[in-house]
Amino acid sequence: MGKKDTKDKIRASKDIKSERITVDEWDGVTIEVRGMNGTARSRVIQAGIDDKGKVLTEKFQFTLMQESCFDDETGEKLFDE
């Protein structure tokens, strides 16, 4: 298998896992929690660290939820900016 074949296989793979969970604290709502791709992870990191390297915990946590929590029925993000 050549390099191009390997790259194509990797890019075509469906390797981001997801799980449906019921959140009792949200009145038993079921949501889909998905792993993140590189772009989403970068958004979380950029939102959660200021220009001096200080961790902005609240922004980090919110952006993490924003990038990984989806409506179980529609597949849309649950939280927007």
C-alpha atoms as a PDB file:
ATOM      1  CA  MET A   1       0.000   0.000   0.000  1.00  0.00           C
ATOM      2  CA  GLY A   2       1.427   3.377  -1.012  1.00  0.00           C
ATOM      3  CA  LYS A   3       1.499   6.599   0.988  1.00  0.00           C
ATOM      4  CA  LYS A   4      -1.455   8.002  -0.961  1.00  0.00           C
ATOM      5  CA  ASP A   5      -3.584   4.938  -0.204  1.00  0.00           C
ATOM      6  CA  THR A   6      -2.739   5.144   3.489  1.00  0.00           C
ATOM      7  CA  LYS A   7      -3.557   8.871   3.657  1.00  0.00           C
ATOM      8  CA  ASP A   8      -6.853   8.310   1.849  1.00  0.00           C
ATOM      9  CA  LYS A   9      -7.826   5.498   4.230  1.00  0.00           C
ATOM     10  CA  ILE A  10      -7.040   7.640   7.269  1.00  0.00           C
ATOM     11  CA  ARG A  11      -8.952  10.659   5.939  1.00  0.00           C
ATOM     12  CA  ALA A  12     -11.963   8.520   5.023  1.00  0.00           C
ATOM     13  CA  SER A  13     -12.148   6.733   8.371  1.00  0.00           C
ATOM     14  CA  LYS A  14     -15.018   7.442  10.743  1.00  0.00           C
ATOM     15  CA  ASP A  15     -12.852   7.533  13.856  1.00  0.00           C
ATOM     16  CA  ILE A  16     -14.618  10.127  15.999  1.00  0.00           C
ATOM     17  CA  LYS A  17     -16.618   8.283  18.604  1.00  0.00           C
ATOM     18  CA  SER A  18     -19.947   9.394  19.975  1.00  0.00           C
ATOM     19  CA  GLU A  19     -22.166   8.287  22.814  1.00  0.00           C
ATOM     20  CA  ARG A  20     -25.728   9.051  23.789  1.00  0.00           C
ATOM     21  CA  ILE A  21     -26.111   9.860  27.460  1.00  0.00           C
ATOM     22  CA  THR A  22     -29.016  10.807  29.679  1.00  0.00           C
ATOM     23  CA  VAL A  23     -28.311  13.758  31.953  1.00  0.00           C
ATOM     24  CA  ASP A  24     -30.400  13.382  35.090  1.00  0.00           C
ATOM     25  CA  GLU A  25     -29.516  16.909  36.211  1.00  0.00           C
ATOM     26  CA  TRP A  26     -31.141  18.262  33.026  1.00  0.00           C
ATOM     27  CA  ASP A  27     -34.481  16.573  33.742  1.00  0.00           C
ATOM     28  CA  GLY A  28     -33.455  13.324  32.060  1.00  0.00           C
ATOM     29  CA  VAL A  29     -32.592  14.847  28.674  1.00  0.00           C
ATOM     30  CA  THR A  30     -30.663  12.558  26.315  1.00  0.00           C
ATOM     31  CA  ILE A  31     -27.827  14.166  24.381  1.00  0.00           C
ATOM     32  CA  GLU A  32     -25.109  12.953  22.055  1.00  0.00           C
ATOM     33  CA  VAL A  33     -21.542  13.575  23.200  1.00  0.00           C
ATOM     34  CA  ARG A  34     -18.986  13.393  20.391  1.00  0.00           C
ATOM     35  CA  GLY A  35     -15.251  13.299  20.326  1.00  0.00           C
ATOM     36  CA  MET A  36     -13.646  16.267  18.607  1.00  0.00           C
ATOM     37  CA  ASN A  37     -11.625  16.626  15.448  1.00  0.00           C
ATOM     38  CA  GLY A  38      -8.454  18.712  15.419  1.00  0.00           C
ATOM     39  CA  THR A  39     -10.234  21.937  14.477  1.00  0.00           C
ATOM     40  CA  ALA A  40     -12.693  21.654  17.372  1.00  0.00           C
ATOM     41  CA  ARG A  41      -9.888  20.821  19.823  1.00  0.00           C
ATOM     42  CA  SER A  42      -7.996  23.905  18.653  1.00  0.00           C
ATOM     43  CA  ARG A  43     -11.067  26.091  19.277  1.00  0.00           C
ATOM     44  CA  VAL A  44     -11.335  24.729  22.817  1.00  0.00           C
ATOM     45  CA  ILE A  45      -7.665  25.380  23.527  1.00  0.00           C
ATOM     46  CA  GLN A  46      -7.709  28.869  21.976  1.00  0.00           C
ATOM     47  CA  ALA A  47     -10.821  29.845  23.937  1.00  0.00           C
ATOM     48  CA  GLY A  48      -9.452  28.502  27.198  1.00  0.00           C
ATOM     49  CA  ILE A  49      -6.031  30.117  27.283  1.00  0.00           C
ATOM     50  CA  ASP A  50      -5.360  33.844  27.197  1.00  0.00           C
ATOM     51  CA  ASP A  51      -2.411  35.519  25.458  1.00  0.00           C
ATOM     52  CA  LYS A  52      -0.305  35.201  28.620  1.00  0.00           C
ATOM     53  CA  GLY A  53      -0.884  31.450  28.923  1.00  0.00           C
ATOM     54  CA  LYS A  54      -3.377  31.710  31.783  1.00  0.00           C
ATOM     55  CA  VAL A  55      -6.121  29.066  31.729  1.00  0.00           C
ATOM     56  CA  LEU A  56      -9.593  30.581  31.540  1.00  0.00           C
ATOM     57  CA  THR A  57     -11.464  27.728  33.181  1.00  0.00           C
ATOM     58  CA  GLU A  58     -15.007  28.938  32.537  1.00  0.00           C
ATOM     59  CA  LYS A  59     -14.367  29.682  28.846  1.00  0.00           C
ATOM     60  CA  PHE A  60     -12.502  26.392  28.449  1.00  0.00           C
ATOM     61  CA  GLN A  61     -15.336  24.359  29.973  1.00  0.00           C
ATOM     62  CA  PHE A  62     -18.057  26.153  28.002  1.00  0.00           C
ATOM     63  CA  THR A  63     -16.218  25.791  24.699  1.00  0.00           C
ATOM     64  CA  LEU A  64     -15.572  22.112  25.439  1.00  0.00           C
ATOM     65  CA  MET A  65     -19.305  21.559  25.942  1.00  0.00           C
ATOM     66  CA  GLN A  66     -20.096  23.674  22.888  1.00  0.00           C
ATOM     67  CA  GLU A  67     -17.848  21.540  20.692  1.00  0.00           C
ATOM     68  CA  SER A  68     -18.925  18.137  21.998  1.00  0.00           C
ATOM     69  CA  CYS A  69     -22.642  18.240  23.005  1.00  0.00           C
ATOM     70  CA  PHE A  70     -25.279  17.686  20.328  1.00  0.00           C
ATOM     71  CA  ASP A  71     -29.050  17.288  20.146  1.00  0.00           C
ATOM     72  CA  ASP A  72     -29.779  13.556  20.186  1.00  0.00           C
ATOM     73  CA  GLU A  73     -32.515  13.864  17.552  1.00  0.00           C
ATOM     74  CA  THR A  74     -31.312  16.582  15.155  1.00  0.00           C
ATOM     75  CA  GLY A  75     -27.543  16.273  15.508  1.00  0.00           C
ATOM     76  CA  GLU A  76     -27.249  20.047  15.932  1.00  0.00           C
ATOM     77  CA  LYS A  77     -24.945  21.618  18.503  1.00  0.00           C
ATOM     78  CA  LEU A  78     -26.748  22.214  21.788  1.00  0.00           C
ATOM     79  CA  PHE A  79     -24.868  25.357  22.720  1.00  0.00           C
ATOM     80  CA  ASP A  80     -23.983  28.320  20.563  1.00  0.00           C
ATOM     81  CA  GLU A  81     -21.755  31.288  21.188  1.00  0.00           C
END
